[in-house]
PDB file of N, CA and C in Angstrom:
ATOM      1  N   MET A   1      10.314  -3.470  12.128  1.00  0.00           N
ATOM      2  CA  MET A   1       9.652  -4.173  11.045  1.00  0.00           C
ATOM      3  C   MET A   1       8.518  -3.307  10.506  1.00  0.00           C
ATOM      4  N   ILE A   2       8.345  -3.337   9.195  1.00  0.00           N
ATOM      5  CA  ILE A   2       7.224  -2.660   8.549  1.00  0.00           C
ATOM      6  C   ILE A   2       6.054  -3.633   8.516  1.00  0.00           C
ATOM      7  N   LYS A   3       4.901  -3.160   8.956  1.00  0.00           N
ATOM      8  CA  LYS A   3       3.691  -3.981   8.926  1.00  0.00           C
ATOM      9  C   LYS A   3       2.707  -3.357   7.941  1.00  0.00           C
ATOM     10  N   VAL A   4       2.291  -4.169   6.976  1.00  0.00           N
ATOM     11  CA  VAL A   4       1.354  -3.723   5.950  1.00  0.00           C
ATOM     12  C   VAL A   4       0.062  -4.504   6.111  1.00  0.00           C
ATOM     13  N   ARG A   5      -1.048  -3.789   6.124  1.00  0.00           N
ATOM     14  CA  ARG A   5      -2.372  -4.438   6.135  1.00  0.00           C
ATOM     15  C   ARG A   5      -3.093  -4.039   4.860  1.00  0.00           C
ATOM     16  N   ILE A   6      -3.467  -5.044   4.062  1.00  0.00           N
ATOM     17  CA  ILE A   6      -4.270  -4.823   2.871  1.00  0.00           C
ATOM     18  C   ILE A   6      -5.716  -5.096   3.273  1.00  0.00           C
ATOM     19  N   LEU A   7      -6.570  -4.115   3.106  1.00  0.00           N
ATOM     20  CA  LEU A   7      -7.959  -4.232   3.534  1.00  0.00           C
ATOM     21  C   LEU A   7      -8.834  -4.592   2.340  1.00  0.00           C
ATOM     22  N   ARG A   8      -9.355  -5.813   2.369  1.00  0.00           N
ATOM     23  CA  ARG A   8     -10.190  -6.309   1.273  1.00  0.00           C
ATOM     24  C   ARG A   8     -11.645  -6.407   1.711  1.00  0.00           C
ATOM     25  N   LYS A   9     -12.519  -6.157   0.763  1.00  0.00           N
ATOM     26  CA  LYS A   9     -13.945  -6.335   1.013  1.00  0.00           C
ATOM     27  C   LYS A   9     -14.288  -7.805   0.783  1.00  0.00           C
ATOM     28  N   GLN A  10     -15.506  -8.183   1.106  1.00  0.00           N
ATOM     29  CA  GLN A  10     -15.948  -9.575   0.977  1.00  0.00           C
ATOM     30  C   GLN A  10     -15.767 -10.113  -0.440  1.00  0.00           C
ATOM     31  N   ASP A  11     -15.901  -9.254  -1.450  1.00  0.00           N
ATOM     32  CA  ASP A  11     -15.771  -9.701  -2.837  1.00  0.00           C
ATOM     33  C   ASP A  11     -14.316  -9.810  -3.299  1.00  0.00           C
ATOM     34  N   GLY A  12     -13.388  -9.528  -2.400  1.00  0.00           N
ATOM     35  CA  GLY A  12     -11.963  -9.633  -2.721  1.00  0.00           C
ATOM     36  C   GLY A  12     -11.329  -8.345  -3.203  1.00  0.00           C
ATOM     37  N   SER A  13     -12.127  -7.338  -3.488  1.00  0.00           N
ATOM     38  CA  SER A  13     -11.566  -6.066  -3.944  1.00  0.00           C
ATOM     39  C   SER A  13     -10.861  -5.361  -2.790  1.00  0.00           C
ATOM     40  N   ILE A  14      -9.893  -4.549  -3.135  1.00  0.00           N
ATOM     41  CA  ILE A  14      -9.129  -3.810  -2.132  1.00  0.00           C
ATOM     42  C   ILE A  14      -9.822  -2.480  -1.852  1.00  0.00           C
ATOM     43  N   HIS A  15     -10.085  -2.223  -0.580  1.00  0.00           N
ATOM     44  CA  HIS A  15     -10.673  -0.950  -0.169  1.00  0.00           C
ATOM     45  C   HIS A  15      -9.584   0.038   0.258  1.00  0.00           C
ATOM     46  N   GLY A  16      -8.477  -0.469   0.764  1.00  0.00           N
ATOM     47  CA  GLY A  16      -7.419   0.415   1.220  1.00  0.00           C
ATOM     48  C   GLY A  16      -6.275  -0.373   1.817  1.00  0.00           C
ATOM     49  N   PHE A  17      -5.342   0.363   2.421  1.00  0.00           N
ATOM     50  CA  PHE A  17      -4.197  -0.278   3.044  1.00  0.00           C
ATOM     51  C   PHE A  17      -3.623   0.613   4.135  1.00  0.00           C
ATOM     52  N   GLU A  18      -2.878  -0.011   5.025  1.00  0.00           N
ATOM     53  CA  GLU A  18      -2.209   0.692   6.123  1.00  0.00           C
ATOM     54  C   GLU A  18      -0.780   0.176   6.211  1.00  0.00           C
ATOM     55  N   VAL A  19       0.139   1.080   6.391  1.00  0.00           N
ATOM     56  CA  VAL A  19       1.552   0.731   6.519  1.00  0.00           C
ATOM     57  C   VAL A  19       2.085   1.434   7.753  1.00  0.00           C
ATOM     58  N   LYS A  20       2.758   0.680   8.629  1.00  0.00           N
ATOM     59  CA  LYS A  20       3.350   1.337   9.787  1.00  0.00           C
ATOM     60  C   LYS A  20       4.638   0.644  10.206  1.00  0.00           C
ATOM     61  N   GLY A  21       5.490   1.446  10.812  1.00  0.00           N
ATOM     62  CA  GLY A  21       6.753   0.931  11.314  1.00  0.00           C
ATOM     63  C   GLY A  21       7.926   1.277  10.413  1.00  0.00           C
ATOM     64  N   HIS A  22       9.082   0.862  10.854  1.00  0.00           N
ATOM     65  CA  HIS A  22      10.326   1.068  10.120  1.00  0.00           C
ATOM     66  C   HIS A  22      10.997  -0.283   9.942  1.00  0.00           C
ATOM     67  N   ALA A  23      11.639  -0.472   8.815  1.00  0.00           N
ATOM     68  CA  ALA A  23      12.271  -1.754   8.524  1.00  0.00           C
ATOM     69  C   ALA A  23      13.488  -1.999   9.422  1.00  0.00           C
ATOM     70  N   ASN A  24      14.258  -0.962   9.690  1.00  0.00           N
ATOM     71  CA  ASN A  24      15.512  -1.083  10.438  1.00  0.00           C
ATOM     72  C   ASN A  24      16.485  -2.032   9.746  1.00  0.00           C
ATOM     73  N   TYR A  25      16.437  -2.049   8.427  1.00  0.00           N
ATOM     74  CA  TYR A  25      17.372  -2.833   7.618  1.00  0.00           C
ATOM     75  C   TYR A  25      18.748  -2.174   7.622  1.00  0.00           C
ATOM     76  N   ALA A  26      18.740  -0.851   7.586  1.00  0.00           N
ATOM     77  CA  ALA A  26      19.981  -0.066   7.589  1.00  0.00           C
ATOM     78  C   ALA A  26      19.684   1.264   8.268  1.00  0.00           C
ATOM     79  N   LYS A  27      20.706   2.073   8.456  1.00  0.00           N
ATOM     80  CA  LYS A  27      20.485   3.356   9.116  1.00  0.00           C
ATOM     81  C   LYS A  27      19.628   4.274   8.248  1.00  0.00           C
ATOM     82  N   HIS A  28      18.992   5.247   8.911  1.00  0.00           N
ATOM     83  CA  HIS A  28      18.112   6.194   8.251  1.00  0.00           C
ATOM     84  C   HIS A  28      18.808   6.810   7.036  1.00  0.00           C
ATOM     85  N   GLY A  29      18.110   6.852   5.928  1.00  0.00           N
ATOM     86  CA  GLY A  29      18.676   7.415   4.706  1.00  0.00           C
ATOM     87  C   GLY A  29      19.346   6.382   3.822  1.00  0.00           C
ATOM     88  N   GLU A  30      19.585   5.189   4.364  1.00  0.00           N
ATOM     89  CA  GLU A  30      20.229   4.123   3.594  1.00  0.00           C
ATOM     90  C   GLU A  30      19.403   2.834   3.605  1.00  0.00           C
ATOM     91  N   ASP A  31      18.215   2.902   4.169  1.00  0.00           N
ATOM     92  CA  ASP A  31      17.380   1.717   4.335  1.00  0.00           C
ATOM     93  C   ASP A  31      16.597   1.452   3.044  1.00  0.00           C
ATOM     94  N   ILE A  32      17.073   0.504   2.237  1.00  0.00           N
ATOM     95  CA  ILE A  32      16.448   0.231   0.945  1.00  0.00           C
ATOM     96  C   ILE A  32      15.081  -0.429   1.085  1.00  0.00           C
ATOM     97  N   VAL A  33      14.855  -1.139   2.167  1.00  0.00           N
ATOM     98  CA  VAL A  33      13.542  -1.766   2.376  1.00  0.00           C
ATOM     99  C   VAL A  33      12.502  -0.679   2.644  1.00  0.00           C
ATOM    100  N   CYS A  34      12.819   0.220   3.536  1.00  0.00           N
ATOM    101  CA  CYS A  34      11.912   1.323   3.847  1.00  0.00           C
ATOM    102  C   CYS A  34      11.676   2.178   2.599  1.00  0.00           C
ATOM    103  N   ALA A  35      12.729   2.468   1.877  1.00  0.00           N
ATOM    104  CA  ALA A  35      12.603   3.277   0.663  1.00  0.00           C
ATOM    105  C   ALA A  35      11.739   2.567  -0.375  1.00  0.00           C
ATOM    106  N   GLY A  36      11.918   1.274  -0.525  1.00  0.00           N
ATOM    107  CA  GLY A  36      11.127   0.517  -1.492  1.00  0.00           C
ATOM    108  C   GLY A  36       9.655   0.503  -1.141  1.00  0.00           C
ATOM    109  N   VAL A  37       9.349   0.227   0.115  1.00  0.00           N
ATOM    110  CA  VAL A  37       7.949   0.188   0.556  1.00  0.00           C
ATOM    111  C   VAL A  37       7.319   1.570   0.420  1.00  0.00           C
ATOM    112  N   SER A  38       8.042   2.603   0.796  1.00  0.00           N
ATOM    113  CA  SER A  38       7.517   3.963   0.671  1.00  0.00           C
ATOM    114  C   SER A  38       7.266   4.323  -0.790  1.00  0.00           C
ATOM    115  N   THR A  39       8.184   3.977  -1.643  1.00  0.00           N
ATOM    116  CA  THR A  39       8.031   4.277  -3.064  1.00  0.00           C
ATOM    117  C   THR A  39       6.809   3.581  -3.650  1.00  0.00           C
ATOM    118  N   VAL A  40       6.642   2.313  -3.328  1.00  0.00           N
ATOM    119  CA  VAL A  40       5.519   1.539  -3.857  1.00  0.00           C
ATOM    120  C   VAL A  40       4.187   2.072  -3.338  1.00  0.00           C
ATOM    121  N   THR A  41       4.092   2.320  -2.044  1.00  0.00           N
ATOM    122  CA  THR A  41       2.802   2.713  -1.467  1.00  0.00           C
ATOM    123  C   THR A  41       2.431   4.164  -1.798  1.00  0.00           C
ATOM    124  N   VAL A  42       3.353   5.083  -1.619  1.00  0.00           N
ATOM    125  CA  VAL A  42       3.066   6.482  -1.945  1.00  0.00           C
ATOM    126  C   VAL A  42       2.868   6.620  -3.460  1.00  0.00           C
ATOM    127  N   GLY A  43       3.676   5.894  -4.227  1.00  0.00           N
ATOM    128  CA  GLY A  43       3.529   5.916  -5.686  1.00  0.00           C
ATOM    129  C   GLY A  43       2.168   5.419  -6.131  1.00  0.00           C
ATOM    130  N   THR A  44       1.627   4.431  -5.442  1.00  0.00           N
ATOM    131  CA  THR A  44       0.299   3.928  -5.776  1.00  0.00           C
ATOM    132  C   THR A  44      -0.762   4.976  -5.517  1.00  0.00           C
ATOM    133  N   VAL A  45      -0.691   5.640  -4.381  1.00  0.00           N
ATOM    134  CA  VAL A  45      -1.653   6.708  -4.070  1.00  0.00           C
ATOM    135  C   VAL A  45      -1.558   7.804  -5.131  1.00  0.00           C
ATOM    136  N   ASN A  46      -0.348   8.202  -5.487  1.00  0.00           N
ATOM    137  CA  ASN A  46      -0.159   9.245  -6.499  1.00  0.00           C
ATOM    138  C   ASN A  46      -0.639   8.787  -7.877  1.00  0.00           C
ATOM    139  N   SER A  47      -0.396   7.529  -8.227  1.00  0.00           N
ATOM    140  CA  SER A  47      -0.841   6.994  -9.513  1.00  0.00           C
ATOM    141  C   SER A  47      -2.356   6.969  -9.607  1.00  0.00           C
ATOM    142  N   LEU A  48      -3.009   6.549  -8.530  1.00  0.00           N
ATOM    143  CA  LEU A  48      -4.476   6.548  -8.526  1.00  0.00           C
ATOM    144  C   LEU A  48      -5.020   7.944  -8.799  1.00  0.00           C
ATOM    145  N   GLU A  49      -4.439   8.932  -8.158  1.00  0.00           N
ATOM    146  CA  GLU A  49      -4.902  10.298  -8.339  1.00  0.00           C
ATOM    147  C   GLU A  49      -4.650  10.774  -9.769  1.00  0.00           C
ATOM    148  N   THR A  50      -3.444  10.554 -10.262  1.00  0.00           N
ATOM    149  CA  THR A  50      -3.063  11.051 -11.580  1.00  0.00           C
ATOM    150  C   THR A  50      -3.758  10.304 -12.717  1.00  0.00           C
ATOM    151  N   LEU A  51      -3.821   8.984 -12.626  1.00  0.00           N
ATOM    152  CA  LEU A  51      -4.323   8.180 -13.740  1.00  0.00           C
ATOM    153  C   LEU A  51      -5.825   7.954 -13.731  1.00  0.00           C
ATOM    154  N   THR A  52      -6.441   7.971 -12.543  1.00  0.00           N
ATOM    155  CA  THR A  52      -7.883   7.700 -12.490  1.00  0.00           C
ATOM    156  C   THR A  52      -8.683   8.887 -11.967  1.00  0.00           C
ATOM    157  N   GLY A  53      -8.013   9.869 -11.389  1.00  0.00           N
ATOM    158  CA  GLY A  53      -8.715  10.999 -10.794  1.00  0.00           C
ATOM    159  C   GLY A  53      -9.273  10.704  -9.416  1.00  0.00           C
ATOM    160  N   THR A  54      -9.033   9.501  -8.905  1.00  0.00           N
ATOM    161  CA  THR A  54      -9.528   9.103  -7.592  1.00  0.00           C
ATOM    162  C   THR A  54      -8.621   9.656  -6.503  1.00  0.00           C
ATOM    163  N   ILE A  55      -9.196  10.351  -5.574  1.00  0.00           N
ATOM    164  CA  ILE A  55      -8.449  10.880  -4.435  1.00  0.00           C
ATOM    165  C   ILE A  55      -8.715   9.948  -3.255  1.00  0.00           C
ATOM    166  N   MET A  56      -7.684   9.244  -2.826  1.00  0.00           N
ATOM    167  CA  MET A  56      -7.827   8.356  -1.680  1.00  0.00           C
ATOM    168  C   MET A  56      -7.864   9.182  -0.401  1.00  0.00           C
ATOM    169  N   ASP A  57      -8.562   8.683   0.583  1.00  0.00           N
ATOM    170  CA  ASP A  57      -8.547   9.281   1.915  1.00  0.00           C
ATOM    171  C   ASP A  57      -7.260   8.788   2.561  1.00  0.00           C
ATOM    172  N   SER A  58      -6.236   9.627   2.549  1.00  0.00           N
ATOM    173  CA  SER A  58      -4.923   9.173   3.025  1.00  0.00           C
ATOM    174  C   SER A  58      -4.389  10.061   4.131  1.00  0.00           C
ATOM    175  N   ARG A  59      -3.595   9.429   4.980  1.00  0.00           N
ATOM    176  CA  ARG A  59      -2.921  10.109   6.082  1.00  0.00           C
ATOM    177  C   ARG A  59      -1.496   9.582   6.139  1.00  0.00           C
ATOM    178  N   MET A  60      -0.566  10.492   6.388  1.00  0.00           N
ATOM    179  CA  MET A  60       0.831  10.077   6.443  1.00  0.00           C
ATOM    180  C   MET A  60       1.545  10.820   7.564  1.00  0.00           C
ATOM    181  N   ASN A  61       2.266  10.069   8.366  1.00  0.00           N
ATOM    182  CA  ASN A  61       3.148  10.588   9.404  1.00  0.00           C
ATOM    183  C   ASN A  61       4.427   9.775   9.328  1.00  0.00           C
ATOM    184  N   ASP A  62       5.391  10.099  10.148  1.00  0.00           N
ATOM    185  CA  ASP A  62       6.633   9.352  10.166  1.00  0.00           C
ATOM    186  C   ASP A  62       6.356   7.875  10.449  1.00  0.00           C
ATOM    187  N   GLY A  63       6.672   7.026   9.510  1.00  0.00           N
ATOM    188  CA  GLY A  63       6.489   5.590   9.700  1.00  0.00           C
ATOM    189  C   GLY A  63       5.058   5.113   9.602  1.00  0.00           C
ATOM    190  N   PHE A  64       4.173   5.943   9.043  1.00  0.00           N
ATOM    191  CA  PHE A  64       2.769   5.544   8.941  1.00  0.00           C
ATOM    192  C   PHE A  64       2.144   6.117   7.677  1.00  0.00           C
ATOM    193  N   LEU A  65       1.391   5.264   6.969  1.00  0.00           N
ATOM    194  CA  LEU A  65       0.585   5.700   5.833  1.00  0.00           C
ATOM    195  C   LEU A  65      -0.680   4.861   5.819  1.00  0.00           C
ATOM    196  N   SER A  66      -1.814   5.527   5.732  1.00  0.00           N
ATOM    197  CA  SER A  66      -3.072   4.812   5.512  1.00  0.00           C
ATOM    198  C   SER A  66      -3.733   5.454   4.301  1.00  0.00           C
ATOM    199  N   ALA A  67      -4.396   4.628   3.493  1.00  0.00           N
ATOM    200  CA  ALA A  67      -5.073   5.139   2.300  1.00  0.00           C
ATOM    201  C   ALA A  67      -6.274   4.251   2.013  1.00  0.00           C
ATOM    202  N   TYR A  68      -7.425   4.893   1.818  1.00  0.00           N
ATOM    203  CA  TYR A  68      -8.673   4.179   1.579  1.00  0.00           C
ATOM    204  C   TYR A  68      -9.373   4.789   0.376  1.00  0.00           C
ATOM    205  N   LEU A  69      -9.998   3.941  -0.432  1.00  0.00           N
ATOM    206  CA  LEU A  69     -10.783   4.437  -1.549  1.00  0.00           C
ATOM    207  C   LEU A  69     -12.027   5.139  -1.020  1.00  0.00           C
ATOM    208  N   PRO A  70     -12.484   6.160  -1.723  1.00  0.00           N
ATOM    209  CA  PRO A  70     -13.730   6.806  -1.307  1.00  0.00           C
ATOM    210  C   PRO A  70     -14.913   5.889  -1.599  1.00  0.00           C
ATOM    211  N   GLY A  71     -15.971   6.012  -0.839  1.00  0.00           N
ATOM    212  CA  GLY A  71     -17.163   5.197  -1.071  1.00  0.00           C
ATOM    213  C   GLY A  71     -16.834   3.722  -0.985  1.00  0.00           C
ATOM    214  N   ASP A  72     -17.434   2.952  -1.889  1.00  0.00           N
ATOM    215  CA  ASP A  72     -17.160   1.515  -1.865  1.00  0.00           C
ATOM    216  C   ASP A  72     -16.014   1.133  -2.796  1.00  0.00           C
ATOM    217  N   GLY A  73     -15.434   2.111  -3.506  1.00  0.00           N
ATOM    218  CA  GLY A  73     -14.271   1.844  -4.340  1.00  0.00           C
ATOM    219  C   GLY A  73     -14.579   1.179  -5.660  1.00  0.00           C
ATOM    220  N   MET A  74     -15.849   0.988  -5.998  1.00  0.00           N
ATOM    221  CA  MET A  74     -16.168   0.309  -7.242  1.00  0.00           C
ATOM    222  C   MET A  74     -17.037   1.165  -8.166  1.00  0.00           C
ATOM    223  N   GLU A  75     -16.993   2.476  -7.984  1.00  0.00           N
ATOM    224  CA  GLU A  75     -17.706   3.361  -8.888  1.00  0.00           C
ATOM    225  C   GLU A  75     -16.981   3.370 -10.234  1.00  0.00           C
ATOM    226  N   ALA A  76     -17.368   4.302 -11.107  1.00  0.00           N
ATOM    227  CA  ALA A  76     -16.720   4.414 -12.418  1.00  0.00           C
ATOM    228  C   ALA A  76     -15.206   4.462 -12.233  1.00  0.00           C
ATOM    229  N   GLY A  77     -14.493   3.695 -13.023  1.00  0.00           N
ATOM    230  CA  GLY A  77     -13.040   3.646 -12.910  1.00  0.00           C
ATOM    231  C   GLY A  77     -12.555   2.635 -11.898  1.00  0.00           C
ATOM    232  N   GLY A  78     -13.474   1.908 -11.240  1.00  0.00           N
ATOM    233  CA  GLY A  78     -13.098   0.962 -10.199  1.00  0.00           C
ATOM    234  C   GLY A  78     -12.138  -0.115 -10.658  1.00  0.00           C
ATOM    235  N   ARG A  79     -12.275  -0.558 -11.883  1.00  0.00           N
ATOM    236  CA  ARG A  79     -11.368  -1.596 -12.398  1.00  0.00           C
ATOM    237  C   ARG A  79      -9.937  -1.085 -12.460  1.00  0.00           C
ATOM    238  N   GLN A  80      -9.779   0.148 -12.911  1.00  0.00           N
ATOM    239  CA  GLN A  80      -8.439   0.730 -12.976  1.00  0.00           C
ATOM    240  C   GLN A  80      -7.844   0.874 -11.577  1.00  0.00           C
ATOM    241  N   GLU A  81      -8.663   1.318 -10.660  1.00  0.00           N
ATOM    242  CA  GLU A  81      -8.199   1.475  -9.280  1.00  0.00           C
ATOM    243  C   GLU A  81      -7.755   0.131  -8.715  1.00  0.00           C
ATOM    244  N   GLN A  82      -8.566  -0.882  -8.936  1.00  0.00           N
ATOM    245  CA  GLN A  82      -8.233  -2.210  -8.416  1.00  0.00           C
ATOM    246  C   GLN A  82      -6.960  -2.744  -9.046  1.00  0.00           C
ATOM    247  N   LEU A  83      -6.771  -2.505 -10.335  1.00  0.00           N
ATOM    248  CA  LEU A  83      -5.549  -2.962 -11.001  1.00  0.00           C
ATOM    249  C   LEU A  83      -4.318  -2.301 -10.383  1.00  0.00           C
ATOM    250  N   LEU A  84      -4.395  -1.012 -10.128  1.00  0.00           N
ATOM    251  CA  LEU A  84      -3.261  -0.315  -9.514  1.00  0.00           C
ATOM    252  C   LEU A  84      -3.011  -0.816  -8.092  1.00  0.00           C
ATOM    253  N   LEU A  85      -4.067  -1.036  -7.330  1.00  0.00           N
ATOM    254  CA  LEU A  85      -3.899  -1.536  -5.963  1.00  0.00           C
ATOM    255  C   LEU A  85      -3.375  -2.968  -5.946  1.00  0.00           C
ATOM    256  N   GLU A  86      -3.857  -3.813  -6.849  1.00  0.00           N
ATOM    257  CA  GLU A  86      -3.342  -5.192  -6.925  1.00  0.00           C
ATOM    258  C   GLU A  86      -1.876  -5.184  -7.358  1.00  0.00           C
ATOM    259  N   SER A  87      -1.520  -4.273  -8.227  1.00  0.00           N
ATOM    260  CA  SER A  87      -0.119  -4.129  -8.639  1.00  0.00           C
ATOM    261  C   SER A  87       0.750  -3.769  -7.438  1.00  0.00           C
ATOM    262  N   MET A  88       0.251  -2.883  -6.578  1.00  0.00           N
ATOM    263  CA  MET A  88       0.973  -2.526  -5.361  1.00  0.00           C
ATOM    264  C   MET A  88       1.217  -3.765  -4.498  1.00  0.00           C
ATOM    265  N   VAL A  89       0.196  -4.614  -4.365  1.00  0.00           N
ATOM    266  CA  VAL A  89       0.335  -5.829  -3.559  1.00  0.00           C
ATOM    267  C   VAL A  89       1.410  -6.739  -4.150  1.00  0.00           C
ATOM    268  N   VAL A  90       1.433  -6.881  -5.467  1.00  0.00           N
ATOM    269  CA  VAL A  90       2.462  -7.701  -6.121  1.00  0.00           C
ATOM    270  C   VAL A  90       3.850  -7.146  -5.809  1.00  0.00           C
ATOM    271  N   MET A  91       4.005  -5.831  -5.911  1.00  0.00           N
ATOM    272  CA  MET A  91       5.314  -5.218  -5.645  1.00  0.00           C
ATOM    273  C   MET A  91       5.725  -5.386  -4.183  1.00  0.00           C
ATOM    274  N   LEU A  92       4.797  -5.208  -3.264  1.00  0.00           N
ATOM    275  CA  LEU A  92       5.110  -5.395  -1.845  1.00  0.00           C
ATOM    276  C   LEU A  92       5.493  -6.844  -1.555  1.00  0.00           C
ATOM    277  N   ASN A  93       4.781  -7.781  -2.164  1.00  0.00           N
ATOM    278  CA  ASN A  93       5.128  -9.199  -1.978  1.00  0.00           C
ATOM    279  C   ASN A  93       6.501  -9.510  -2.558  1.00  0.00           C
ATOM    280  N   SER A  94       6.875  -8.851  -3.629  1.00  0.00           N
ATOM    281  CA  SER A  94       8.210  -9.034  -4.200  1.00  0.00           C
ATOM    282  C   SER A  94       9.285  -8.553  -3.222  1.00  0.00           C
ATOM    283  N   ILE A  95       9.027  -7.430  -2.571  1.00  0.00           N
ATOM    284  CA  ILE A  95       9.966  -6.937  -1.562  1.00  0.00           C
ATOM    285  C   ILE A  95      10.039  -7.933  -0.411  1.00  0.00           C
ATOM    286  N   ALA A  96       8.890  -8.435   0.018  1.00  0.00           N
ATOM    287  CA  ALA A  96       8.846  -9.383   1.140  1.00  0.00           C
ATOM    288  C   ALA A  96       9.571 -10.691   0.812  1.00  0.00           C
ATOM    289  N   GLU A  97       9.570 -11.108  -0.444  1.00  0.00           N
ATOM    290  CA  GLU A  97      10.284 -12.331  -0.829  1.00  0.00           C
ATOM    291  C   GLU A  97      11.779 -12.210  -0.555  1.00  0.00           C
ATOM    292  N   SER A  98      12.314 -11.036  -0.760  1.00  0.00           N
ATOM    293  CA  SER A  98      13.749 -10.831  -0.548  1.00  0.00           C
ATOM    294  C   SER A  98      14.096 -10.333   0.850  1.00  0.00           C
ATOM    295  N   TYR A  99      13.176  -9.618   1.477  1.00  0.00           N
ATOM    296  CA  TYR A  99      13.466  -8.971   2.762  1.00  0.00           C
ATOM    297  C   TYR A  99      12.383  -9.271   3.792  1.00  0.00           C
ATOM    298  N   GLY A 100      11.910 -10.512   3.822  1.00  0.00           N
ATOM    299  CA  GLY A 100      10.809 -10.913   4.685  1.00  0.00           C
ATOM    300  C   GLY A 100      11.033 -10.681   6.169  1.00  0.00           C
ATOM    301  N   LYS A 101      12.276 -10.606   6.576  1.00  0.00           N
ATOM    302  CA  LYS A 101      12.592 -10.352   7.983  1.00  0.00           C
ATOM    303  C   LYS A 101      12.227  -8.914   8.396  1.00  0.00           C
ATOM    304  N   TYR A 102      12.056  -8.049   7.401  1.00  0.00           N
ATOM    305  CA  TYR A 102      11.859  -6.628   7.667  1.00  0.00           C
ATOM    306  C   TYR A 102      10.472  -6.112   7.294  1.00  0.00           C
ATOM    307  N   ILE A 103       9.637  -6.961   6.681  1.00  0.00           N
ATOM    308  CA  ILE A 103       8.307  -6.535   6.274  1.00  0.00           C
ATOM    309  C   ILE A 103       7.326  -7.691   6.452  1.00  0.00           C
ATOM    310  N   GLN A 104       6.167  -7.362   6.985  1.00  0.00           N
ATOM    311  CA  GLN A 104       5.097  -8.346   7.181  1.00  0.00           C
ATOM    312  C   GLN A 104       3.861  -7.815   6.469  1.00  0.00           C
ATOM    313  N   ILE A 105       3.269  -8.652   5.617  1.00  0.00           N
ATOM    314  CA  ILE A 105       2.073  -8.247   4.880  1.00  0.00           C
ATOM    315  C   ILE A 105       0.917  -9.123   5.310  1.00  0.00           C
ATOM    316  N   GLN A 106      -0.169  -8.481   5.692  1.00  0.00           N
ATOM    317  CA  GLN A 106      -1.363  -9.186   6.150  1.00  0.00           C
ATOM    318  C   GLN A 106      -2.552  -8.700   5.331  1.00  0.00           C
ATOM    319  N   GLU A 107      -3.333  -9.627   4.822  1.00  0.00           N
ATOM    320  CA  GLU A 107      -4.551  -9.265   4.112  1.00  0.00           C
ATOM    321  C   GLU A 107      -5.729  -9.596   5.006  1.00  0.00           C
ATOM    322  N   VAL A 108      -6.608  -8.618   5.206  1.00  0.00           N
ATOM    323  CA  VAL A 108      -7.757  -8.825   6.088  1.00  0.00           C
ATOM    324  C   VAL A 108      -9.040  -8.485   5.345  1.00  0.00           C
ATOM    325  N   ILE A 109     -10.087  -9.219   5.666  1.00  0.00           N
ATOM    326  CA  ILE A 109     -11.415  -8.940   5.111  1.00  0.00           C
ATOM    327  C   ILE A 109     -12.117  -7.972   6.061  1.00  0.00           C
ATOM    328  N   ILE A 110     -12.643  -6.907   5.507  1.00  0.00           N
ATOM    329  CA  ILE A 110     -13.327  -5.913   6.335  1.00  0.00           C
ATOM    330  C   ILE A 110     -14.831  -6.001   6.149  1.00  0.00           C
TER     331      ILE A 110
END
């Protein structure tokens, strides 16, 4: 199962996220759940960098991705960053609606 943690600050803004595990929906290379989650999360990190110039503090290994906004995440461009991160949450929840047995999403206040 893929476990996603969305890390929110007290004001509800997203500071970062962590993804770990494998969906095991299908064999390696054919797992559409894993591919979807990877596309959404890595794509969000890449979009933030390309569209806002924000470089997230990110780490990636097999079956693991963590990404955090620098500072408090609400400097200049913070609205754009939050919109992209909230969009990621919507997309992940859409995947979970269809494949909930293979992905768990948890939102935590940090």
